[in-house]
Amino acid sequence: SSPQKVEHRECQKQALFSRVSSRQNPAYGFPIAFAKVVHRDYEFLEEQLSVNYAEQHTFCFALDKKAPLSFRRRIMALSVCLPNVFRMSTTLILPVN
């Protein structure tokens, strides 16, 4: 990677962290684990994350097979940029009712 690409990536990482952690909630005295199966509406998902975000909480996202590549990349960025956000390595296939 060129220094310019790395710098741009770091800038994006910092911007993402700032967006999500800007409303950081006070500690509740105990950590909470959040787990979701996701496949769309990234902006809404990031908004939910920012509302619930606190350093002691853990967030895990499982990607449904229906998730487009662009959505998968954005979820991966969350898991890279935020130390308490994880992405399952397995993609789930959920039945449609």
Foldseek 3Di string as FASTA:
>chain_A
DDPVVVVVLVVVLVVLCCLQQVQADDDPPAEEEAEEEDADDVVVVSVVNSNHDYLRYAYEYAYAPNHDPVSVVVLVSVVVSRVRYYYDPDHHHDDDD
